[in-house]
Amino acid sequence: MAMECIVKNDLGTITIVEDVIATVAGYAAIECIGIVAMASKKASDGFVELLGRENLKRGVRVALNENSASIDLYIIVEYGVSIAAVAKTVIETVKYRVETVTGISVTNVHVTVEGIRVQ
């Protein structure tokens, strides 16, 4: 069962499931300079899979509390970029985009760099 977050306003109630938040976060991350792809880590064998645009949410984990979210991102960065600078940009971009699009407060964004790839 998917977790969901409920946002109430003057007009009514909006229910947003975690897959929507994960998709918004994935698209926001992949648009950042220095990101080659999102990564899906298979827990069983440590194998990292590069994800296309249709599967971006598989590289994102969302944990919801009442009306806030914590987001974990698994990314592949381009060789030669500053990992710290890219991660900072990704954190700021994802937090801003998710909060703007969904109205849900993002408490934190964790970035895990799963690999480096030469373009």
PDB file of N, CA and C in Angstrom:
ATOM      1  N   MET A   1       0.843  -1.188   0.000  1.00  0.00           N
ATOM      2  CA  MET A   1       0.000   0.000   0.000  1.00  0.00           C
ATOM      3  C   MET A   1       0.885   1.246   0.000  1.00  0.00           C
ATOM      4  N   ALA A   2       0.567   2.181  -0.878  1.00  0.00           N
ATOM      5  CA  ALA A   2       1.357   3.402  -0.988  1.00  0.00           C
ATOM      6  C   ALA A   2       0.996   4.365   0.139  1.00  0.00           C
ATOM      7  N   MET A   3       2.008   5.033   0.635  1.00  0.00           N
ATOM      8  CA  MET A   3       1.795   6.071   1.636  1.00  0.00           C
ATOM      9  C   MET A   3       1.260   7.303   0.914  1.00  0.00           C
ATOM     10  N   GLU A   4       0.598   8.151   1.658  1.00  0.00           N
ATOM     11  CA  GLU A   4       0.063   9.360   1.060  1.00  0.00           C
ATOM     12  C   GLU A   4       0.170  10.521   2.033  1.00  0.00           C
ATOM     13  N   CYS A   5       0.110  11.710   1.475  1.00  0.00           N
ATOM     14  CA  CYS A   5       0.176  12.924   2.274  1.00  0.00           C
ATOM     15  C   CYS A   5      -1.073  13.737   1.960  1.00  0.00           C
ATOM     16  N   ILE A   6      -1.673  14.297   2.977  1.00  0.00           N
ATOM     17  CA  ILE A   6      -2.899  15.056   2.798  1.00  0.00           C
ATOM     18  C   ILE A   6      -2.621  16.534   3.039  1.00  0.00           C
ATOM     19  N   VAL A   7      -3.001  17.345   2.055  1.00  0.00           N
ATOM     20  CA  VAL A   7      -2.845  18.795   2.144  1.00  0.00           C
ATOM     21  C   VAL A   7      -4.245  19.395   2.155  1.00  0.00           C
ATOM     22  N   LYS A   8      -4.534  20.206   3.162  1.00  0.00           N
ATOM     23  CA  LYS A   8      -5.844  20.851   3.251  1.00  0.00           C
ATOM     24  C   LYS A   8      -5.694  22.337   2.972  1.00  0.00           C
ATOM     25  N   ASN A   9      -6.655  22.869   2.211  1.00  0.00           N
ATOM     26  CA  ASN A   9      -6.690  24.306   1.972  1.00  0.00           C
ATOM     27  C   ASN A   9      -8.135  24.783   2.079  1.00  0.00           C
ATOM     28  N   ASP A  10      -8.395  26.022   1.726  1.00  0.00           N
ATOM     29  CA  ASP A  10      -9.730  26.604   1.852  1.00  0.00           C
ATOM     30  C   ASP A  10     -10.772  25.901   0.974  1.00  0.00           C
ATOM     31  N   LEU A  11     -10.322  25.305  -0.113  1.00  0.00           N
ATOM     32  CA  LEU A  11     -11.251  24.688  -1.060  1.00  0.00           C
ATOM     33  C   LEU A  11     -11.527  23.217  -0.787  1.00  0.00           C
ATOM     34  N   GLY A  12     -10.674  22.569  -0.020  1.00  0.00           N
ATOM     35  CA  GLY A  12     -10.879  21.152   0.252  1.00  0.00           C
ATOM     36  C   GLY A  12      -9.605  20.441   0.626  1.00  0.00           C
ATOM     37  N   THR A  13      -9.574  19.151   0.332  1.00  0.00           N
ATOM     38  CA  THR A  13      -8.460  18.292   0.708  1.00  0.00           C
ATOM     39  C   THR A  13      -7.809  17.709  -0.536  1.00  0.00           C
ATOM     40  N   ILE A  14      -6.479  17.685  -0.539  1.00  0.00           N
ATOM     41  CA  ILE A  14      -5.716  17.098  -1.649  1.00  0.00           C
ATOM     42  C   ILE A  14      -4.917  15.936  -1.088  1.00  0.00           C
ATOM     43  N   THR A  15      -5.040  14.776  -1.712  1.00  0.00           N
ATOM     44  CA  THR A  15      -4.279  13.598  -1.304  1.00  0.00           C
ATOM     45  C   THR A  15      -3.217  13.329  -2.360  1.00  0.00           C
ATOM     46  N   ILE A  16      -1.960  13.279  -1.925  1.00  0.00           N
ATOM     47  CA  ILE A  16      -0.832  13.055  -2.843  1.00  0.00           C
ATOM     48  C   ILE A  16      -0.102  11.794  -2.390  1.00  0.00           C
ATOM     49  N   VAL A  17       0.011  10.805  -3.282  1.00  0.00           N
ATOM     50  CA  VAL A  17       0.701   9.565  -2.934  1.00  0.00           C
ATOM     51  C   VAL A  17       2.205   9.735  -3.120  1.00  0.00           C
ATOM     52  N   GLU A  18       2.977   8.877  -2.455  1.00  0.00           N
ATOM     53  CA  GLU A  18       4.441   9.025  -2.478  1.00  0.00           C
ATOM     54  C   GLU A  18       5.037   8.850  -3.865  1.00  0.00           C
ATOM     55  N   ASP A  19       4.398   8.098  -4.760  1.00  0.00           N
ATOM     56  CA  ASP A  19       4.911   7.944  -6.124  1.00  0.00           C
ATOM     57  C   ASP A  19       4.947   9.283  -6.863  1.00  0.00           C
ATOM     58  N   VAL A  20       3.979  10.137  -6.599  1.00  0.00           N
ATOM     59  CA  VAL A  20       3.949  11.460  -7.229  1.00  0.00           C
ATOM     60  C   VAL A  20       5.122  12.301  -6.728  1.00  0.00           C
ATOM     61  N   ILE A  21       5.358  12.264  -5.428  1.00  0.00           N
ATOM     62  CA  ILE A  21       6.472  13.015  -4.849  1.00  0.00           C
ATOM     63  C   ILE A  21       7.797  12.481  -5.392  1.00  0.00           C
ATOM     64  N   ALA A  22       7.921  11.159  -5.499  1.00  0.00           N
ATOM     65  CA  ALA A  22       9.138  10.549  -6.030  1.00  0.00           C
ATOM     66  C   ALA A  22       9.370  10.942  -7.483  1.00  0.00           C
ATOM     67  N   THR A  23       8.320  10.994  -8.277  1.00  0.00           N
ATOM     68  CA  THR A  23       8.450  11.383  -9.687  1.00  0.00           C
ATOM     69  C   THR A  23       8.891  12.837  -9.808  1.00  0.00           C
ATOM     70  N   VAL A  24       8.279  13.724  -9.044  1.00  0.00           N
ATOM     71  CA  VAL A  24       8.668  15.145  -9.063  1.00  0.00           C
ATOM     72  C   VAL A  24      10.137  15.289  -8.649  1.00  0.00           C
ATOM     73  N   ALA A  25      10.530  14.597  -7.583  1.00  0.00           N
ATOM     74  CA  ALA A  25      11.917  14.661  -7.106  1.00  0.00           C
ATOM     75  C   ALA A  25      12.886  14.112  -8.146  1.00  0.00           C
ATOM     76  N   GLY A  26      12.531  13.015  -8.797  1.00  0.00           N
ATOM     77  CA  GLY A  26      13.389  12.411  -9.821  1.00  0.00           C
ATOM     78  C   GLY A  26      13.618  13.333 -10.999  1.00  0.00           C
ATOM     79  N   TYR A  27      12.537  13.947 -11.501  1.00  0.00           N
ATOM     80  CA  TYR A  27      12.682  14.878 -12.619  1.00  0.00           C
ATOM     81  C   TYR A  27      13.498  16.108 -12.229  1.00  0.00           C
ATOM     82  N   ALA A  28      13.281  16.610 -11.011  1.00  0.00           N
ATOM     83  CA  ALA A  28      14.041  17.775 -10.549  1.00  0.00           C
ATOM     84  C   ALA A  28      15.530  17.433 -10.468  1.00  0.00           C
ATOM     85  N   ALA A  29      15.850  16.255  -9.964  1.00  0.00           N
ATOM     86  CA  ALA A  29      17.255  15.855  -9.817  1.00  0.00           C
ATOM     87  C   ALA A  29      17.944  15.683 -11.168  1.00  0.00           C
ATOM     88  N   ILE A  30      17.283  15.008 -12.096  1.00  0.00           N
ATOM     89  CA  ILE A  30      17.913  14.682 -13.381  1.00  0.00           C
ATOM     90  C   ILE A  30      18.164  15.934 -14.224  1.00  0.00           C
ATOM     91  N   GLU A  31      17.453  17.021 -13.929  1.00  0.00           N
ATOM     92  CA  GLU A  31      17.656  18.269 -14.660  1.00  0.00           C
ATOM     93  C   GLU A  31      18.882  19.042 -14.181  1.00  0.00           C
ATOM     94  N   CYS A  32      19.455  18.651 -13.059  1.00  0.00           N
ATOM     95  CA  CYS A  32      20.618  19.351 -12.501  1.00  0.00           C
ATOM     96  C   CYS A  32      21.880  19.032 -13.304  1.00  0.00           C
ATOM     97  N   ILE A  33      22.705  20.032 -13.514  1.00  0.00           N
ATOM     98  CA  ILE A  33      23.964  19.861 -14.241  1.00  0.00           C
ATOM     99  C   ILE A  33      24.877  18.957 -13.426  1.00  0.00           C
ATOM    100  N   GLY A  34      25.499  17.995 -14.107  1.00  0.00           N
ATOM    101  CA  GLY A  34      26.423  17.078 -13.455  1.00  0.00           C
ATOM    102  C   GLY A  34      25.822  15.712 -13.169  1.00  0.00           C
ATOM    103  N   ILE A  35      24.500  15.600 -13.284  1.00  0.00           N
ATOM    104  CA  ILE A  35      23.827  14.317 -13.067  1.00  0.00           C
ATOM    105  C   ILE A  35      23.730  13.598 -14.408  1.00  0.00           C
ATOM    106  N   VAL A  36      24.221  12.361 -14.463  1.00  0.00           N
ATOM    107  CA  VAL A  36      24.137  11.559 -15.677  1.00  0.00           C
ATOM    108  C   VAL A  36      22.833  10.765 -15.672  1.00  0.00           C
ATOM    109  N   ALA A  37      22.485  10.201 -14.509  1.00  0.00           N
ATOM    110  CA  ALA A  37      21.287   9.370 -14.413  1.00  0.00           C
ATOM    111  C   ALA A  37      20.927   9.147 -12.956  1.00  0.00           C
ATOM    112  N   MET A  38      19.723   8.643 -12.757  1.00  0.00           N
ATOM    113  CA  MET A  38      19.318   8.157 -11.443  1.00  0.00           C
ATOM    114  C   MET A  38      19.742   6.698 -11.387  1.00  0.00           C
ATOM    115  N   ALA A  39      19.942   6.172 -10.207  1.00  0.00           N
ATOM    116  CA  ALA A  39      20.384   4.792 -10.054  1.00  0.00           C
ATOM    117  C   ALA A  39      19.398   4.031  -9.183  1.00  0.00           C
ATOM    118  N   SER A  40      19.155   2.796  -9.555  1.00  0.00           N
ATOM    119  CA  SER A  40      18.338   1.914  -8.737  1.00  0.00           C
ATOM    120  C   SER A  40      19.255   0.835  -8.210  1.00  0.00           C
ATOM    121  N   LYS A  41      19.474   0.834  -6.911  1.00  0.00           N
ATOM    122  CA  LYS A  41      20.372  -0.155  -6.333  1.00  0.00           C
ATOM    123  C   LYS A  41      19.565  -1.375  -5.931  1.00  0.00           C
ATOM    124  N   LYS A  42      19.946  -2.495  -6.458  1.00  0.00           N
ATOM    125  CA  LYS A  42      19.279  -3.742  -6.094  1.00  0.00           C
ATOM    126  C   LYS A  42      19.908  -4.233  -4.799  1.00  0.00           C
ATOM    127  N   ALA A  43      19.118  -4.243  -3.761  1.00  0.00           N
ATOM    128  CA  ALA A  43      19.620  -4.544  -2.419  1.00  0.00           C
ATOM    129  C   ALA A  43      20.253  -5.930  -2.322  1.00  0.00           C
ATOM    130  N   SER A  44      19.779  -6.876  -3.108  1.00  0.00           N
ATOM    131  CA  SER A  44      20.252  -8.246  -2.963  1.00  0.00           C
ATOM    132  C   SER A  44      21.709  -8.446  -3.364  1.00  0.00           C
ATOM    133  N   ASP A  45      22.149  -7.767  -4.439  1.00  0.00           N
ATOM    134  CA  ASP A  45      23.503  -8.034  -4.922  1.00  0.00           C
ATOM    135  C   ASP A  45      24.371  -6.787  -5.076  1.00  0.00           C
ATOM    136  N   GLY A  46      23.853  -5.616  -4.697  1.00  0.00           N
ATOM    137  CA  GLY A  46      24.636  -4.394  -4.814  1.00  0.00           C
ATOM    138  C   GLY A  46      24.757  -3.888  -6.238  1.00  0.00           C
ATOM    139  N   PHE A  47      24.050  -4.503  -7.191  1.00  0.00           N
ATOM    140  CA  PHE A  47      24.094  -4.116  -8.596  1.00  0.00           C
ATOM    141  C   PHE A  47      23.391  -2.773  -8.776  1.00  0.00           C
ATOM    142  N   VAL A  48      24.033  -1.849  -9.482  1.00  0.00           N
ATOM    143  CA  VAL A  48      23.443  -0.537  -9.732  1.00  0.00           C
ATOM    144  C   VAL A  48      22.959  -0.486 -11.171  1.00  0.00           C
ATOM    145  N   GLU A  49      21.700  -0.093 -11.352  1.00  0.00           N
ATOM    146  CA  GLU A  49      21.089  -0.015 -12.664  1.00  0.00           C
ATOM    147  C   GLU A  49      20.823   1.448 -13.016  1.00  0.00           C
ATOM    148  N   LEU A  50      21.228   1.879 -14.224  1.00  0.00           N
ATOM    149  CA  LEU A  50      20.914   3.231 -14.676  1.00  0.00           C
ATOM    150  C   LEU A  50      19.459   3.267 -15.106  1.00  0.00           C
ATOM    151  N   LEU A  51      18.761   4.336 -14.719  1.00  0.00           N
ATOM    152  CA  LEU A  51      17.338   4.432 -15.018  1.00  0.00           C
ATOM    153  C   LEU A  51      17.069   5.482 -16.081  1.00  0.00           C
ATOM    154  N   GLY A  52      16.173   5.153 -17.001  1.00  0.00           N
ATOM    155  CA  GLY A  52      15.731   6.121 -17.998  1.00  0.00           C
ATOM    156  C   GLY A  52      14.684   7.034 -17.396  1.00  0.00           C
ATOM    157  N   ARG A  53      14.234   8.006 -18.166  1.00  0.00           N
ATOM    158  CA  ARG A  53      13.264   8.990 -17.664  1.00  0.00           C
ATOM    159  C   ARG A  53      11.952   8.355 -17.205  1.00  0.00           C
ATOM    160  N   GLU A  54      11.563   7.245 -17.792  1.00  0.00           N
ATOM    161  CA  GLU A  54      10.294   6.624 -17.406  1.00  0.00           C
ATOM    162  C   GLU A  54      10.381   5.916 -16.050  1.00  0.00           C
ATOM    163  N   ASN A  55      11.565   5.687 -15.530  1.00  0.00           N
ATOM    164  CA  ASN A  55      11.742   4.970 -14.260  1.00  0.00           C
ATOM    165  C   ASN A  55      12.448   5.805 -13.193  1.00  0.00           C
ATOM    166  N   LEU A  56      12.429   7.098 -13.312  1.00  0.00           N
ATOM    167  CA  LEU A  56      13.177   7.949 -12.383  1.00  0.00           C
ATOM    168  C   LEU A  56      12.789   7.729 -10.931  1.00  0.00           C
ATOM    169  N   LYS A  57      11.520   7.456 -10.671  1.00  0.00           N
ATOM    170  CA  LYS A  57      11.084   7.322  -9.279  1.00  0.00           C
ATOM    171  C   LYS A  57      11.700   6.110  -8.593  1.00  0.00           C
ATOM    172  N   ARG A  58      12.239   5.157  -9.346  1.00  0.00           N
ATOM    173  CA  ARG A  58      12.900   4.004  -8.729  1.00  0.00           C
ATOM    174  C   ARG A  58      14.232   4.386  -8.101  1.00  0.00           C
ATOM    175  N   GLY A  59      14.776   5.536  -8.468  1.00  0.00           N
ATOM    176  CA  GLY A  59      16.005   6.037  -7.864  1.00  0.00           C
ATOM    177  C   GLY A  59      15.742   6.988  -6.710  1.00  0.00           C
ATOM    178  N   VAL A  60      14.486   7.013  -6.261  1.00  0.00           N
ATOM    179  CA  VAL A  60      14.071   7.930  -5.196  1.00  0.00           C
ATOM    180  C   VAL A  60      13.298   7.156  -4.138  1.00  0.00           C
ATOM    181  N   ARG A  61      13.610   7.421  -2.881  1.00  0.00           N
ATOM    182  CA  ARG A  61      12.845   6.850  -1.764  1.00  0.00           C
ATOM    183  C   ARG A  61      12.218   8.022  -1.014  1.00  0.00           C
ATOM    184  N   VAL A  62      10.928   7.902  -0.727  1.00  0.00           N
ATOM    185  CA  VAL A  62      10.213   8.960  -0.019  1.00  0.00           C
ATOM    186  C   VAL A  62       9.653   8.396   1.276  1.00  0.00           C
ATOM    187  N   ALA A  63       9.900   9.088   2.367  1.00  0.00           N
ATOM    188  CA  ALA A  63       9.304   8.739   3.656  1.00  0.00           C
ATOM    189  C   ALA A  63       8.406   9.903   4.053  1.00  0.00           C
ATOM    190  N   LEU A  64       7.132   9.602   4.273  1.00  0.00           N
ATOM    191  CA  LEU A  64       6.165  10.639   4.595  1.00  0.00           C
ATOM    192  C   LEU A  64       5.805  10.633   6.072  1.00  0.00           C
ATOM    193  N   ASN A  65       5.701  11.825   6.624  1.00  0.00           N
ATOM    194  CA  ASN A  65       5.104  12.043   7.934  1.00  0.00           C
ATOM    195  C   ASN A  65       3.839  12.840   7.645  1.00  0.00           C
ATOM    196  N   GLU A  66       3.090  13.210   8.621  1.00  0.00           N
ATOM    197  CA  GLU A  66       1.768  13.816   8.417  1.00  0.00           C
ATOM    198  C   GLU A  66       1.675  14.718   7.194  1.00  0.00           C
ATOM    199  N   ASN A  67       2.367  15.824   7.153  1.00  0.00           N
ATOM    200  CA  ASN A  67       2.398  16.627   5.929  1.00  0.00           C
ATOM    201  C   ASN A  67       3.802  17.141   5.635  1.00  0.00           C
ATOM    202  N   SER A  68       4.756  16.233   5.756  1.00  0.00           N
ATOM    203  CA  SER A  68       6.127  16.532   5.369  1.00  0.00           C
ATOM    204  C   SER A  68       6.755  15.271   4.779  1.00  0.00           C
ATOM    205  N   ALA A  69       7.837  15.477   4.054  1.00  0.00           N
ATOM    206  CA  ALA A  69       8.495  14.352   3.385  1.00  0.00           C
ATOM    207  C   ALA A  69       9.995  14.407   3.600  1.00  0.00           C
ATOM    208  N   SER A  70      10.599  13.231   3.663  1.00  0.00           N
ATOM    209  CA  SER A  70      12.046  13.074   3.666  1.00  0.00           C
ATOM    210  C   SER A  70      12.376  12.295   2.393  1.00  0.00           C
ATOM    211  N   ILE A  71      13.352  12.761   1.636  1.00  0.00           N
ATOM    212  CA  ILE A  71      13.633  12.186   0.322  1.00  0.00           C
ATOM    213  C   ILE A  71      15.069  11.686   0.254  1.00  0.00           C
ATOM    214  N   ASP A  72      15.252  10.459  -0.228  1.00  0.00           N
ATOM    215  CA  ASP A  72      16.565   9.877  -0.490  1.00  0.00           C
ATOM    216  C   ASP A  72      16.711   9.712  -1.997  1.00  0.00           C
ATOM    217  N   LEU A  73      17.823  10.195  -2.552  1.00  0.00           N
ATOM    218  CA  LEU A  73      18.095  10.107  -3.987  1.00  0.00           C
ATOM    219  C   LEU A  73      19.348   9.285  -4.230  1.00  0.00           C
ATOM    220  N   TYR A  74      19.323   8.463  -5.257  1.00  0.00           N
ATOM    221  CA  TYR A  74      20.464   7.639  -5.654  1.00  0.00           C
ATOM    222  C   TYR A  74      20.840   8.060  -7.068  1.00  0.00           C
ATOM    223  N   ILE A  75      22.041   8.645  -7.212  1.00  0.00           N
ATOM    224  CA  ILE A  75      22.405   9.270  -8.480  1.00  0.00           C
ATOM    225  C   ILE A  75      23.740   8.763  -9.028  1.00  0.00           C
ATOM    226  N   ILE A  76      23.925   8.983 -10.328  1.00  0.00           N
ATOM    227  CA  ILE A  76      25.192   8.759 -11.020  1.00  0.00           C
ATOM    228  C   ILE A  76      25.639  10.138 -11.508  1.00  0.00           C
ATOM    229  N   VAL A  77      26.866  10.531 -11.169  1.00  0.00           N
ATOM    230  CA  VAL A  77      27.360  11.849 -11.573  1.00  0.00           C
ATOM    231  C   VAL A  77      28.353  11.733 -12.723  1.00  0.00           C
ATOM    232  N   GLU A  78      28.521  12.845 -13.401  1.00  0.00           N
ATOM    233  CA  GLU A  78      29.457  12.927 -14.517  1.00  0.00           C
ATOM    234  C   GLU A  78      30.881  13.026 -13.982  1.00  0.00           C
ATOM    235  N   TYR A  79      31.812  12.324 -14.629  1.00  0.00           N
ATOM    236  CA  TYR A  79      33.215  12.375 -14.229  1.00  0.00           C
ATOM    237  C   TYR A  79      33.741  13.795 -14.390  1.00  0.00           C
ATOM    238  N   GLY A  80      34.482  14.266 -13.397  1.00  0.00           N
ATOM    239  CA  GLY A  80      35.136  15.564 -13.472  1.00  0.00           C
ATOM    240  C   GLY A  80      34.388  16.684 -12.771  1.00  0.00           C
ATOM    241  N   VAL A  81      33.147  16.439 -12.359  1.00  0.00           N
ATOM    242  CA  VAL A  81      32.407  17.491 -11.663  1.00  0.00           C
ATOM    243  C   VAL A  81      32.683  17.409 -10.160  1.00  0.00           C
ATOM    244  N   SER A  82      32.410  18.494  -9.475  1.00  0.00           N
ATOM    245  CA  SER A  82      32.533  18.507  -8.023  1.00  0.00           C
ATOM    246  C   SER A  82      31.313  17.804  -7.440  1.00  0.00           C
ATOM    247  N   ILE A  83      31.531  16.662  -6.816  1.00  0.00           N
ATOM    248  CA  ILE A  83      30.420  15.896  -6.254  1.00  0.00           C
ATOM    249  C   ILE A  83      29.702  16.714  -5.183  1.00  0.00           C
ATOM    250  N   ALA A  84      30.447  17.421  -4.360  1.00  0.00           N
ATOM    251  CA  ALA A  84      29.837  18.239  -3.306  1.00  0.00           C
ATOM    252  C   ALA A  84      28.950  19.334  -3.896  1.00  0.00           C
ATOM    253  N   ALA A  85      29.415  19.991  -4.955  1.00  0.00           N
ATOM    254  CA  ALA A  85      28.632  21.057  -5.588  1.00  0.00           C
ATOM    255  C   ALA A  85      27.380  20.496  -6.257  1.00  0.00           C
ATOM    256  N   VAL A  86      27.518  19.372  -6.936  1.00  0.00           N
ATOM    257  CA  VAL A  86      26.363  18.747  -7.588  1.00  0.00           C
ATOM    258  C   VAL A  86      25.337  18.315  -6.536  1.00  0.00           C
ATOM    259  N   ALA A  87      25.797  17.691  -5.461  1.00  0.00           N
ATOM    260  CA  ALA A  87      24.887  17.234  -4.408  1.00  0.00           C
ATOM    261  C   ALA A  87      24.146  18.411  -3.778  1.00  0.00           C
ATOM    262  N   LYS A  88      24.856  19.503  -3.530  1.00  0.00           N
ATOM    263  CA  LYS A  88      24.222  20.701  -2.948  1.00  0.00           C
ATOM    264  C   LYS A  88      23.139  21.238  -3.873  1.00  0.00           C
ATOM    265  N   THR A  89      23.440  21.315  -5.161  1.00  0.00           N
ATOM    266  CA  THR A  89      22.469  21.790  -6.146  1.00  0.00           C
ATOM    267  C   THR A  89      21.260  20.865  -6.206  1.00  0.00           C
ATOM    268  N   VAL A  90      21.502  19.565  -6.201  1.00  0.00           N
ATOM    269  CA  VAL A  90      20.409  18.591  -6.248  1.00  0.00           C
ATOM    270  C   VAL A  90      19.513  18.735  -5.019  1.00  0.00           C
ATOM    271  N   ILE A  91      20.106  18.849  -3.851  1.00  0.00           N
ATOM    272  CA  ILE A  91      19.334  18.991  -2.611  1.00  0.00           C
ATOM    273  C   ILE A  91      18.445  20.228  -2.668  1.00  0.00           C
ATOM    274  N   GLU A  92      19.024  21.365  -3.044  1.00  0.00           N
ATOM    275  CA  GLU A  92      18.267  22.616  -3.096  1.00  0.00           C
ATOM    276  C   GLU A  92      17.168  22.565  -4.155  1.00  0.00           C
ATOM    277  N   THR A  93      17.492  22.023  -5.328  1.00  0.00           N
ATOM    278  CA  THR A  93      16.535  21.957  -6.432  1.00  0.00           C
ATOM    279  C   THR A  93      15.368  21.034  -6.108  1.00  0.00           C
ATOM    280  N   VAL A  94      15.671  19.853  -5.588  1.00  0.00           N
ATOM    281  CA  VAL A  94      14.620  18.879  -5.270  1.00  0.00           C
ATOM    282  C   VAL A  94      13.716  19.419  -4.166  1.00  0.00           C
ATOM    283  N   LYS A  95      14.304  19.978  -3.130  1.00  0.00           N
ATOM    284  CA  LYS A  95      13.505  20.541  -2.030  1.00  0.00           C
ATOM    285  C   LYS A  95      12.568  21.626  -2.553  1.00  0.00           C
ATOM    286  N   TYR A  96      13.109  22.554  -3.323  1.00  0.00           N
ATOM    287  CA  TYR A  96      12.305  23.655  -3.863  1.00  0.00           C
ATOM    288  C   TYR A  96      11.191  23.137  -4.771  1.00  0.00           C
ATOM    289  N   ARG A  97      11.541  22.241  -5.699  1.00  0.00           N
ATOM    290  CA  ARG A  97      10.565  21.768  -6.691  1.00  0.00           C
ATOM    291  C   ARG A  97       9.439  20.973  -6.032  1.00  0.00           C
ATOM    292  N   VAL A  98       9.772  20.071  -5.113  1.00  0.00           N
ATOM    293  CA  VAL A  98       8.734  19.265  -4.452  1.00  0.00           C
ATOM    294  C   VAL A  98       7.816  20.169  -3.633  1.00  0.00           C
ATOM    295  N   GLU A  99       8.393  21.106  -2.899  1.00  0.00           N
ATOM    296  CA  GLU A  99       7.566  22.004  -2.085  1.00  0.00           C
ATOM    297  C   GLU A  99       6.673  22.884  -2.959  1.00  0.00           C
ATOM    298  N   THR A 100       7.207  23.366  -4.070  1.00  0.00           N
ATOM    299  CA  THR A 100       6.445  24.236  -4.964  1.00  0.00           C
ATOM    300  C   THR A 100       5.321  23.478  -5.680  1.00  0.00           C
ATOM    301  N   VAL A 101       5.625  22.314  -6.207  1.00  0.00           N
ATOM    302  CA  VAL A 101       4.651  21.557  -6.990  1.00  0.00           C
ATOM    303  C   VAL A 101       3.573  20.919  -6.113  1.00  0.00           C
ATOM    304  N   THR A 102       3.974  20.364  -4.969  1.00  0.00           N
ATOM    305  CA  THR A 102       3.015  19.598  -4.159  1.00  0.00           C
ATOM    306  C   THR A 102       2.458  20.357  -2.961  1.00  0.00           C
ATOM    307  N   GLY A 103       3.171  21.366  -2.483  1.00  0.00           N
ATOM    308  CA  GLY A 103       2.742  22.058  -1.273  1.00  0.00           C
ATOM    309  C   GLY A 103       3.117  21.325   0.000  1.00  0.00           C
ATOM    310  N   ILE A 104       3.895  20.249  -0.143  1.00  0.00           N
ATOM    311  CA  ILE A 104       4.325  19.444   1.000  1.00  0.00           C
ATOM    312  C   ILE A 104       5.704  19.918   1.445  1.00  0.00           C
ATOM    313  N   SER A 105       5.885  20.101   2.732  1.00  0.00           N
ATOM    314  CA  SER A 105       7.169  20.517   3.290  1.00  0.00           C
ATOM    315  C   SER A 105       8.176  19.370   3.201  1.00  0.00           C
ATOM    316  N   VAL A 106       9.375  19.664   2.739  1.00  0.00           N
ATOM    317  CA  VAL A 106      10.444  18.674   2.669  1.00  0.00           C
ATOM    318  C   VAL A 106      11.393  18.928   3.831  1.00  0.00           C
ATOM    319  N   THR A 107      11.478  17.967   4.750  1.00  0.00           N
ATOM    320  CA  THR A 107      12.315  18.145   5.935  1.00  0.00           C
ATOM    321  C   THR A 107      13.788  17.942   5.618  1.00  0.00           C
ATOM    322  N   ASN A 108      14.101  16.966   4.763  1.00  0.00           N
ATOM    323  CA  ASN A 108      15.494  16.759   4.355  1.00  0.00           C
ATOM    324  C   ASN A 108      15.567  15.964   3.066  1.00  0.00           C
ATOM    325  N   VAL A 109      16.708  16.137   2.386  1.00  0.00           N
ATOM    326  CA  VAL A 109      16.997  15.415   1.151  1.00  0.00           C
ATOM    327  C   VAL A 109      18.384  14.797   1.324  1.00  0.00           C
ATOM    328  N   HIS A 110      18.463  13.480   1.167  1.00  0.00           N
ATOM    329  CA  HIS A 110      19.739  12.771   1.272  1.00  0.00           C
ATOM    330  C   HIS A 110      20.146  12.313  -0.129  1.00  0.00           C
ATOM    331  N   VAL A 111      21.388  12.566  -0.489  1.00  0.00           N
ATOM    332  CA  VAL A 111      21.894  12.175  -1.801  1.00  0.00           C
ATOM    333  C   VAL A 111      22.959  11.100  -1.616  1.00  0.00           C
ATOM    334  N   THR A 112      22.788   9.987  -2.316  1.00  0.00           N
ATOM    335  CA  THR A 112      23.786   8.922  -2.340  1.00  0.00           C
ATOM    336  C   THR A 112      24.328   8.823  -3.763  1.00  0.00           C
ATOM    337  N   VAL A 113      25.628   9.035  -3.920  1.00  0.00           N
ATOM    338  CA  VAL A 113      26.255   8.919  -5.232  1.00  0.00           C
ATOM    339  C   VAL A 113      26.626   7.450  -5.422  1.00  0.00           C
ATOM    340  N   GLU A 114      25.949   6.799  -6.353  1.00  0.00           N
ATOM    341  CA  GLU A 114      26.146   5.375  -6.613  1.00  0.00           C
ATOM    342  C   GLU A 114      27.244   5.097  -7.631  1.00  0.00           C
ATOM    343  N   GLY A 115      27.663   6.136  -8.361  1.00  0.00           N
ATOM    344  CA  GLY A 115      28.700   5.918  -9.348  1.00  0.00           C
ATOM    345  C   GLY A 115      29.078   7.185 -10.085  1.00  0.00           C
ATOM    346  N   ILE A 116      30.159   7.067 -10.868  1.00  0.00           N
ATOM    347  CA  ILE A 116      30.647   8.152 -11.703  1.00  0.00           C
ATOM    348  C   ILE A 116      30.748   7.596 -13.111  1.00  0.00           C
ATOM    349  N   ARG A 117      30.344   8.402 -14.088  1.00  0.00           N
ATOM    350  CA  ARG A 117      30.349   7.923 -15.456  1.00  0.00           C
ATOM    351  C   ARG A 117      30.946   8.988 -16.384  1.00  0.00           C
ATOM    352  N   VAL A 118      31.763   8.540 -17.316  1.00  0.00           N
ATOM    353  CA  VAL A 118      32.350   9.429 -18.303  1.00  0.00           C
ATOM    354  C   VAL A 118      31.324   9.607 -19.423  1.00  0.00           C
ATOM    355  N   GLN A 119      31.030  10.856 -19.742  1.00  0.00           N
ATOM    356  CA  GLN A 119      30.042  11.137 -20.808  1.00  0.00           C
ATOM    357  C   GLN A 119      30.652  10.984 -22.168  1.00  0.00           C
TER     358      GLN A 119
END
